[in-house]
C-alpha atoms as a PDB file:
ATOM      1  CA  MET A   1      58.661 -58.639 279.268  1.00  0.00           C
ATOM      2  CA  LYS A   2      57.630 -62.319 279.182  1.00  0.00           C
ATOM      3  CA  ASN A   3      59.291 -62.703 275.726  1.00  0.00           C
ATOM      4  CA  HIS A   4      62.629 -61.255 276.846  1.00  0.00           C
ATOM      5  CA  ILE A   5      65.737 -62.636 278.524  1.00  0.00           C
ATOM      6  CA  LYS A   6      68.720 -60.857 279.966  1.00  0.00           C
ATOM      7  CA  VAL A   7      72.054 -61.937 278.455  1.00  0.00           C
ATOM      8  CA  GLY A   8      75.290 -60.169 279.356  1.00  0.00           C
ATOM      9  CA  GLY A   9      73.430 -57.159 280.659  1.00  0.00           C
ATOM     10  CA  LYS A  10      71.383 -56.855 277.445  1.00  0.00           C
ATOM     11  CA  LEU A  11      67.655 -57.422 277.225  1.00  0.00           C
ATOM     12  CA  LEU A  12      66.944 -59.690 274.236  1.00  0.00           C
ATOM     13  CA  GLN A  13      63.590 -60.506 272.667  1.00  0.00           C
ATOM     14  CA  THR A  14      63.207 -64.304 272.397  1.00  0.00           C
ATOM     15  CA  THR A  15      60.372 -64.143 269.849  1.00  0.00           C
ATOM     16  CA  LYS A  16      62.171 -61.867 267.396  1.00  0.00           C
ATOM     17  CA  SER A  17      61.490 -62.729 263.769  1.00  0.00           C
ATOM     18  CA  TYR A  18      63.753 -62.443 260.751  1.00  0.00           C
ATOM     19  CA  ASN A  19      61.567 -59.658 259.348  1.00  0.00           C
ATOM     20  CA  GLN A  20      62.351 -57.485 262.377  1.00  0.00           C
ATOM     21  CA  LEU A  21      66.059 -57.351 261.491  1.00  0.00           C
ATOM     22  CA  LYS A  22      67.560 -54.322 259.780  1.00  0.00           C
ATOM     23  CA  GLN A  23      68.130 -54.609 256.023  1.00  0.00           C
ATOM     24  CA  LYS A  24      71.928 -54.553 256.465  1.00  0.00           C
ATOM     25  CA  GLN A  25      71.679 -57.479 258.869  1.00  0.00           C
ATOM     26  CA  LYS A  26      69.480 -59.431 256.448  1.00  0.00           C
ATOM     27  CA  ASP A  27      71.964 -58.765 253.638  1.00  0.00           C
ATOM     28  CA  LYS A  28      74.880 -59.997 255.758  1.00  0.00           C
ATOM     29  CA  ILE A  29      73.000 -63.150 256.717  1.00  0.00           C
ATOM     30  CA  ALA A  30      72.056 -63.837 253.072  1.00  0.00           C
ATOM     31  CA  GLN A  31      75.723 -63.452 252.076  1.00  0.00           C
ATOM     32  CA  TRP A  32      76.836 -65.825 254.858  1.00  0.00           C
ATOM     33  CA  MET A  33      74.212 -68.360 253.732  1.00  0.00           C
ATOM     34  CA  TYR A  34      75.581 -68.215 250.193  1.00  0.00           C
ATOM     35  CA  GLU A  35      79.232 -68.466 251.306  1.00  0.00           C
ATOM     36  CA  GLU A  36      78.639 -71.389 253.663  1.00  0.00           C
ATOM     37  CA  THR A  37      76.573 -73.243 251.052  1.00  0.00           C
ATOM     38  CA  ARG A  38      79.380 -72.754 248.517  1.00  0.00           C
ATOM     39  CA  LYS A  39      81.959 -74.038 251.060  1.00  0.00           C
ATOM     40  CA  PHE A  40      79.789 -77.080 251.766  1.00  0.00           C
ATOM     41  CA  HIS A  41      79.463 -77.766 248.031  1.00  0.00           C
ATOM     42  CA  GLU A  42      83.218 -77.415 247.433  1.00  0.00           C
ATOM     43  CA  GLN A  43      84.100 -79.687 250.371  1.00  0.00           C
ATOM     44  CA  THR A  44      81.562 -82.445 249.748  1.00  0.00           C
ATOM     45  CA  GLY A  45      80.859 -82.141 246.030  1.00  0.00           C
ATOM     46  CA  GLU A  46      77.146 -82.114 246.852  1.00  0.00           C
ATOM     47  CA  PHE A  47      74.553 -79.514 247.666  1.00  0.00           C
ATOM     48  CA  PRO A  48      73.035 -79.476 251.151  1.00  0.00           C
ATOM     49  CA  THR A  49      69.716 -81.263 251.625  1.00  0.00           C
ATOM     50  CA  ALA A  50      67.160 -81.207 254.431  1.00  0.00           C
ATOM     51  CA  LYS A  51      69.249 -83.887 256.183  1.00  0.00           C
ATOM     52  CA  THR A  52      72.577 -82.061 255.803  1.00  0.00           C
ATOM     53  CA  ASP A  53      71.415 -78.466 256.366  1.00  0.00           C
ATOM     54  CA  ASP A  54      72.597 -78.405 259.971  1.00  0.00           C
ATOM     55  CA  ALA A  55      76.285 -77.958 259.099  1.00  0.00           C
ATOM     56  CA  VAL A  56      75.566 -74.901 256.947  1.00  0.00           C
ATOM     57  CA  ILE A  57      73.038 -73.399 259.375  1.00  0.00           C
ATOM     58  CA  ALA A  58      75.425 -73.835 262.328  1.00  0.00           C
ATOM     59  CA  ALA A  59      78.237 -72.079 260.408  1.00  0.00           C
ATOM     60  CA  VAL A  60      75.901 -69.218 259.460  1.00  0.00           C
ATOM     61  CA  TYR A  61      74.702 -68.921 263.039  1.00  0.00           C
ATOM     62  CA  ASP A  62      78.336 -68.689 264.217  1.00  0.00           C
ATOM     63  CA  HIS A  63      78.746 -65.659 261.936  1.00  0.00           C
ATOM     64  CA  ILE A  64      75.530 -64.171 263.324  1.00  0.00           C
ATOM     65  CA  GLU A  65      76.672 -64.567 266.931  1.00  0.00           C
ATOM     66  CA  ALA A  66      80.104 -63.105 266.121  1.00  0.00           C
ATOM     67  CA  ALA A  67      78.375 -60.055 264.620  1.00  0.00           C
ATOM     68  CA  ASP A  68      76.213 -59.628 267.771  1.00  0.00           C
ATOM     69  CA  ILE A  69      72.969 -60.054 265.868  1.00  0.00           C
ATOM     70  CA  TRP A  70      70.263 -61.560 268.055  1.00  0.00           C
ATOM     71  CA  ILE A  71      67.862 -63.833 266.225  1.00  0.00           C
ATOM     72  CA  PRO A  72      66.605 -67.277 267.316  1.00  0.00           C
ATOM     73  CA  TYR A  73      68.317 -70.273 265.661  1.00  0.00           C
ATOM     74  CA  GLY A  74      64.961 -71.581 264.432  1.00  0.00           C
ATOM     75  CA  GLU A  75      64.322 -68.381 262.472  1.00  0.00           C
ATOM     76  CA  ILE A  76      67.619 -68.773 260.629  1.00  0.00           C
ATOM     77  CA  ALA A  77      67.002 -72.474 260.035  1.00  0.00           C
ATOM     78  CA  SER A  78      63.577 -71.877 258.483  1.00  0.00           C
ATOM     79  CA  ARG A  79      64.856 -68.931 256.416  1.00  0.00           C
ATOM     80  CA  TYR A  80      67.762 -71.009 255.063  1.00  0.00           C
ATOM     81  CA  GLN A  81      65.513 -73.939 254.205  1.00  0.00           C
ATOM     82  CA  GLY A  82      63.349 -71.558 252.201  1.00  0.00           C
ATOM     83  CA  LYS A  83      66.324 -70.067 250.340  1.00  0.00           C
ATOM     84  CA  ARG A  84      68.451 -73.205 249.921  1.00  0.00           C
ATOM     85  CA  ALA A  85      67.102 -74.149 246.484  1.00  0.00           C
ATOM     86  CA  LYS A  86      67.740 -70.677 245.019  1.00  0.00           C
ATOM     87  CA  ILE A  87      71.236 -70.511 246.533  1.00  0.00           C
ATOM     88  CA  CYS A  88      72.104 -73.938 245.098  1.00  0.00           C
ATOM     89  CA  GLU A  89      70.729 -72.880 241.692  1.00  0.00           C
ATOM     90  CA  ARG A  90      72.909 -69.750 241.751  1.00  0.00           C
ATOM     91  CA  ILE A  91      76.026 -71.767 242.596  1.00  0.00           C
ATOM     92  CA  GLN A  92      75.220 -74.260 239.841  1.00  0.00           C
ATOM     93  CA  LYS A  93      74.876 -71.461 237.258  1.00  0.00           C
ATOM     94  CA  GLU A  94      78.153 -69.862 238.378  1.00  0.00           C
ATOM     95  CA  ASP A  95      79.959 -73.212 238.125  1.00  0.00           C
ATOM     96  CA  THR A  96      78.533 -73.811 234.658  1.00  0.00           C
ATOM     97  CA  LEU A  97      79.717 -70.393 233.481  1.00  0.00           C
ATOM     98  CA  ARG A  98      83.170 -71.082 234.921  1.00  0.00           C
ATOM     99  CA  LYS A  99      83.416 -74.428 233.118  1.00  0.00           C
ATOM    100  CA  HIS A 100      81.838 -73.229 229.880  1.00  0.00           C
ATOM    101  CA  PRO A 101      82.473 -69.514 229.379  1.00  0.00           C
ATOM    102  CA  PRO A 102      80.479 -67.882 226.601  1.00  0.00           C
ATOM    103  CA  ASP A 103      82.180 -68.027 223.188  1.00  0.00           C
ATOM    104  CA  THR A 104      82.559 -65.163 220.772  1.00  0.00           C
ATOM    105  CA  VAL A 105      80.767 -65.956 217.553  1.00  0.00           C
ATOM    106  CA  ILE A 106      80.811 -64.403 214.115  1.00  0.00           C
ATOM    107  CA  PHE A 107      77.615 -64.325 212.101  1.00  0.00           C
ATOM    108  CA  MET A 108      78.033 -64.306 208.341  1.00  0.00           C
ATOM    109  CA  ASN A 109      75.495 -63.441 205.714  1.00  0.00           C
ATOM    110  CA  MET A 110      75.118 -65.011 202.292  1.00  0.00           C
ATOM    111  CA  CYS A 111      72.817 -63.882 199.526  1.00  0.00           C
ATOM    112  CA  MET A 112      71.526 -65.718 196.494  1.00  0.00           C
ATOM    113  CA  VAL A 113      71.310 -63.649 193.335  1.00  0.00           C
ATOM    114  CA  CYS A 114      69.021 -65.119 190.717  1.00  0.00           C
ATOM    115  CA  ARG A 115      67.324 -64.148 187.466  1.00  0.00           C
ATOM    116  CA  GLY A 116      64.590 -66.553 186.479  1.00  0.00           C
ATOM    117  CA  ASN A 117      66.155 -70.012 186.669  1.00  0.00           C
ATOM    118  CA  GLU A 118      69.723 -68.670 186.590  1.00  0.00           C
ATOM    119  CA  VAL A 119      71.642 -68.476 189.896  1.00  0.00           C
ATOM    120  CA  LEU A 120      74.872 -66.566 190.445  1.00  0.00           C
ATOM    121  CA  ALA A 121      77.470 -68.663 192.252  1.00  0.00           C
ATOM    122  CA  LEU A 122      81.198 -68.306 192.879  1.00  0.00           C
ATOM    123  CA  ASP A 123      83.782 -71.016 192.438  1.00  0.00           C
ATOM    124  CA  LYS A 124      86.281 -70.089 195.157  1.00  0.00           C
ATOM    125  CA  VAL A 125      89.792 -71.440 195.136  1.00  0.00           C
ATOM    126  CA  ASN A 126      92.137 -70.161 197.857  1.00  0.00           C
ATOM    127  CA  ASN A 127      93.955 -71.247 201.027  1.00  0.00           C
ATOM    128  CA  THR A 128      91.054 -70.786 203.446  1.00  0.00           C
ATOM    129  CA  TYR A 129      88.099 -72.096 201.459  1.00  0.00           C
ATOM    130  CA  THR A 130      87.628 -73.943 198.191  1.00  0.00           C
ATOM    131  CA  GLY A 131      84.276 -74.714 196.641  1.00  0.00           C
ATOM    132  CA  THR A 132      81.097 -73.307 195.207  1.00  0.00           C
ATOM    133  CA  THR A 133      79.408 -70.586 197.236  1.00  0.00           C
ATOM    134  CA  PHE A 134      77.047 -67.664 196.955  1.00  0.00           C
ATOM    135  CA  PRO A 135      78.413 -64.130 196.954  1.00  0.00           C
ATOM    136  CA  GLY A 136      78.677 -62.762 200.467  1.00  0.00           C
ATOM    137  CA  GLY A 137      80.395 -60.061 202.381  1.00  0.00           C
ATOM    138  CA  HIS A 138      80.936 -58.524 205.729  1.00  0.00           C
ATOM    139  CA  VAL A 139      80.481 -55.184 207.374  1.00  0.00           C
ATOM    140  CA  GLU A 140      83.387 -53.413 208.997  1.00  0.00           C
ATOM    141  CA  THR A 141      83.144 -50.597 211.501  1.00  0.00           C
ATOM    142  CA  ARG A 142      85.231 -47.524 210.961  1.00  0.00           C
END
């Protein structure tokens, strides 16, 4: 009982570790860490650092208290500091994909037909392409 305190009629363990939480609680906390880091990044234009972590950790801890999850503040702070780099990396990748969405590309194949020193080439003249080229083609699905 030396590691317990009574708060609001509930007996709470003061030495509880993050690993003792239920998986659903851990998932919620991880989501809150991501959301608060994203908010911080959108508001400041920078990612949190060791010096600016407190704003994000305090916001996450507010969520934790509102959800009636008991875990010491220091546990959340150390967990966030360990995950911060990965969270920032994830946000950076998402922002990059938003700014530069993947393009659709078309791969074309050309073949060179030769006999000895003779090479077959086409002299194309039309609206889309004019010039000398090798015979080529494309495959259509039906």
